[in-house]
């Protein structure tokens, strides 16, 4: 049975619609993965900041002075982290002043190749 007003859709139009839908799905997936990755990086940095702060405080509590270096924290208080992924700038201010600590995520080769 044929309808009088029925028109056949062109195959080109169907292909374009399919390509547009596929592209939209890929973009949504990419943005979702990117968002999760960024959130994980932020959480990892916060966890590392907490670990460093606890080590510093624990050292001060036990020894009566702040750690003289990041290496001292690693050797004596078990601080461990991924040194290939993060850089910790540890600036001691004296034995009785809390050190200044900055944690920076290093840029990976994958991020630099864009």
C-alpha atoms as a PDB file:
ATOM      1  CA  UNK A   1       0.000   0.000   0.000  1.00  0.00           C
ATOM      2  CA  UNK A   2       1.504   3.333  -0.995  1.00  0.00           C
ATOM      3  CA  UNK A   3       0.545   6.646   0.454  1.00  0.00           C
ATOM      4  CA  UNK A   4       0.114   9.598  -1.718  1.00  0.00           C
ATOM      5  CA  UNK A   5       2.150  11.994   0.467  1.00  0.00           C
ATOM      6  CA  UNK A   6       4.863   9.542   1.459  1.00  0.00           C
ATOM      7  CA  UNK A   7       8.308  10.581   0.280  1.00  0.00           C
ATOM      8  CA  UNK A   8      11.369   8.450   0.432  1.00  0.00           C
ATOM      9  CA  UNK A   9      14.121   9.848   2.642  1.00  0.00           C
ATOM     10  CA  UNK A  10      17.375  10.260   0.868  1.00  0.00           C
ATOM     11  CA  UNK A  11      20.206   8.017   2.002  1.00  0.00           C
ATOM     12  CA  UNK A  12      22.533  11.025   2.168  1.00  0.00           C
ATOM     13  CA  UNK A  13      20.293  12.705   4.723  1.00  0.00           C
ATOM     14  CA  UNK A  14      20.190   9.539   6.834  1.00  0.00           C
ATOM     15  CA  UNK A  15      23.967   9.268   6.741  1.00  0.00           C
ATOM     16  CA  UNK A  16      24.373  12.905   7.807  1.00  0.00           C
ATOM     17  CA  UNK A  17      21.927  12.471  10.694  1.00  0.00           C
ATOM     18  CA  UNK A  18      23.707   9.289  11.809  1.00  0.00           C
ATOM     19  CA  UNK A  19      27.090  11.022  11.623  1.00  0.00           C
ATOM     20  CA  UNK A  20      25.789  13.978  13.654  1.00  0.00           C
ATOM     21  CA  UNK A  21      24.316  11.715  16.346  1.00  0.00           C
ATOM     22  CA  UNK A  22      27.522   9.647  16.473  1.00  0.00           C
ATOM     23  CA  UNK A  23      29.635  12.806  16.784  1.00  0.00           C
ATOM     24  CA  UNK A  24      27.423  14.100  19.592  1.00  0.00           C
ATOM     25  CA  UNK A  25      27.740  10.809  21.494  1.00  0.00           C
ATOM     26  CA  UNK A  26      31.543  10.854  21.092  1.00  0.00           C
ATOM     27  CA  UNK A  27      31.742  14.474  22.329  1.00  0.00           C
ATOM     28  CA  UNK A  28      29.575  13.727  25.368  1.00  0.00           C
ATOM     29  CA  UNK A  29      31.742  10.695  26.175  1.00  0.00           C
ATOM     30  CA  UNK A  30      34.966  12.719  25.781  1.00  0.00           C
ATOM     31  CA  UNK A  31      33.720  15.536  28.045  1.00  0.00           C
ATOM     32  CA  UNK A  32      32.602  13.001  30.658  1.00  0.00           C
ATOM     33  CA  UNK A  33      35.987  11.250  30.701  1.00  0.00           C
ATOM     34  CA  UNK A  34      37.803  14.586  30.839  1.00  0.00           C
ATOM     35  CA  UNK A  35      35.669  15.749  33.761  1.00  0.00           C
ATOM     36  CA  UNK A  36      36.292  12.546  35.734  1.00  0.00           C
ATOM     37  CA  UNK A  37      40.034  12.773  35.064  1.00  0.00           C
ATOM     38  CA  UNK A  38      40.190  16.375  36.281  1.00  0.00           C
ATOM     39  CA  UNK A  39      38.220  15.507  39.412  1.00  0.00           C
ATOM     40  CA  UNK A  40      40.531  12.549  40.153  1.00  0.00           C
ATOM     41  CA  UNK A  41      43.618  14.764  39.790  1.00  0.00           C
ATOM     42  CA  UNK A  42      42.133  17.286  42.207  1.00  0.00           C
ATOM     43  CA  UNK A  43      41.307  14.571  44.737  1.00  0.00           C
ATOM     44  CA  UNK A  44      44.801  13.060  44.433  1.00  0.00           C
ATOM     45  CA  UNK A  45      46.436  16.438  45.086  1.00  0.00           C
ATOM     46  CA  UNK A  46      44.194  17.014  48.115  1.00  0.00           C
ATOM     47  CA  UNK A  47      45.059  13.555  49.468  1.00  0.00           C
ATOM     48  CA  UNK A  48      48.766  14.237  48.982  1.00  0.00           C
ATOM     49  CA  UNK A  49      48.455  17.645  50.684  1.00  0.00           C
ATOM     50  CA  UNK A  50      46.767  15.959  53.642  1.00  0.00           C
ATOM     51  CA  UNK A  51      49.503  13.301  53.846  1.00  0.00           C
ATOM     52  CA  UNK A  52      52.277  15.913  53.769  1.00  0.00           C
ATOM     53  CA  UNK A  53      50.527  18.061  56.393  1.00  0.00           C
ATOM     54  CA  UNK A  54      50.040  15.056  58.666  1.00  0.00           C
ATOM     55  CA  UNK A  55      53.692  14.077  58.317  1.00  0.00           C
ATOM     56  CA  UNK A  56      54.810  17.622  59.118  1.00  0.00           C
ATOM     57  CA  UNK A  57      52.515  17.822  62.134  1.00  0.00           C
ATOM     58  CA  UNK A  58      53.489  14.370  63.381  1.00  0.00           C
ATOM     59  CA  UNK A  59      57.182  15.262  63.128  1.00  0.00           C
ATOM     60  CA  UNK A  60      56.603  18.498  65.042  1.00  0.00           C
ATOM     61  CA  UNK A  61      54.636  16.640  67.708  1.00  0.00           C
ATOM     62  CA  UNK A  62      57.322  13.996  68.235  1.00  0.00           C
ATOM     63  CA  UNK A  63      60.473  16.041  67.756  1.00  0.00           C
ATOM     64  CA  UNK A  64      59.454  19.561  68.730  1.00  0.00           C
ATOM     65  CA  UNK A  65      60.551  20.988  65.364  1.00  0.00           C
ATOM     66  CA  UNK A  66      59.333  20.908  61.811  1.00  0.00           C
ATOM     67  CA  UNK A  67      61.053  18.598  59.296  1.00  0.00           C
ATOM     68  CA  UNK A  68      64.102  20.260  57.697  1.00  0.00           C
ATOM     69  CA  UNK A  69      63.319  18.826  54.249  1.00  0.00           C
ATOM     70  CA  UNK A  70      60.948  16.743  52.204  1.00  0.00           C
ATOM     71  CA  UNK A  71      63.570  13.981  52.101  1.00  0.00           C
ATOM     72  CA  UNK A  72      63.498  13.918  55.920  1.00  0.00           C
ATOM     73  CA  UNK A  73      59.734  13.356  55.816  1.00  0.00           C
ATOM     74  CA  UNK A  74      60.186  10.521  53.321  1.00  0.00           C
ATOM     75  CA  UNK A  75      62.970   8.825  55.260  1.00  0.00           C
ATOM     76  CA  UNK A  76      61.651   9.208  58.796  1.00  0.00           C
ATOM     77  CA  UNK A  77      57.880   9.432  58.465  1.00  0.00           C
ATOM     78  CA  UNK A  78      57.119   7.216  55.478  1.00  0.00           C
ATOM     79  CA  UNK A  79      55.854   9.863  53.083  1.00  0.00           C
ATOM     80  CA  UNK A  80      55.501   8.227  49.682  1.00  0.00           C
ATOM     81  CA  UNK A  81      53.969   9.603  46.492  1.00  0.00           C
ATOM     82  CA  UNK A  82      54.303   9.338  42.717  1.00  0.00           C
ATOM     83  CA  UNK A  83      57.313  11.568  42.050  1.00  0.00           C
ATOM     84  CA  UNK A  84      56.872  11.206  38.293  1.00  0.00           C
ATOM     85  CA  UNK A  85      53.373  12.677  38.529  1.00  0.00           C
ATOM     86  CA  UNK A  86      53.752  15.309  41.264  1.00  0.00           C
ATOM     87  CA  UNK A  87      56.342  17.893  42.252  1.00  0.00           C
ATOM     88  CA  UNK A  88      56.404  19.030  45.870  1.00  0.00           C
ATOM     89  CA  UNK A  89      58.077  22.357  46.607  1.00  0.00           C
ATOM     90  CA  UNK A  90      59.021  22.197  50.279  1.00  0.00           C
ATOM     91  CA  UNK A  91      60.316  25.434  51.794  1.00  0.00           C
ATOM     92  CA  UNK A  92      61.320  25.162  55.459  1.00  0.00           C
ATOM     93  CA  UNK A  93      60.920  28.449  57.345  1.00  0.00           C
ATOM     94  CA  UNK A  94      62.717  27.421  60.530  1.00  0.00           C
ATOM     95  CA  UNK A  95      62.407  24.803  63.210  1.00  0.00           C
ATOM     96  CA  UNK A  96      59.360  26.399  64.817  1.00  0.00           C
ATOM     97  CA  UNK A  97      57.536  27.798  61.753  1.00  0.00           C
ATOM     98  CA  UNK A  98      55.368  25.604  59.547  1.00  0.00           C
ATOM     99  CA  UNK A  99      57.076  24.966  56.184  1.00  0.00           C
ATOM    100  CA  UNK A 100      55.535  26.303  52.988  1.00  0.00           C
ATOM    101  CA  UNK A 101      54.432  23.373  50.824  1.00  0.00           C
ATOM    102  CA  UNK A 102      53.218  23.582  47.232  1.00  0.00           C
ATOM    103  CA  UNK A 103      52.161  20.512  45.266  1.00  0.00           C
ATOM    104  CA  UNK A 104      52.100  20.696  41.483  1.00  0.00           C
ATOM    105  CA  UNK A 105      50.969  18.059  39.026  1.00  0.00           C
ATOM    106  CA  UNK A 106      53.652  17.549  36.421  1.00  0.00           C
ATOM    107  CA  UNK A 107      52.616  17.740  32.803  1.00  0.00           C
ATOM    108  CA  UNK A 108      52.721  14.315  31.193  1.00  0.00           C
ATOM    109  CA  UNK A 109      54.007  13.648  27.674  1.00  0.00           C
ATOM    110  CA  UNK A 110      50.453  12.883  26.582  1.00  0.00           C
ATOM    111  CA  UNK A 111      49.247  16.313  27.735  1.00  0.00           C
ATOM    112  CA  UNK A 112      52.147  18.093  26.049  1.00  0.00           C
ATOM    113  CA  UNK A 113      51.658  16.492  22.646  1.00  0.00           C
ATOM    114  CA  UNK A 114      48.424  18.344  21.757  1.00  0.00           C
END
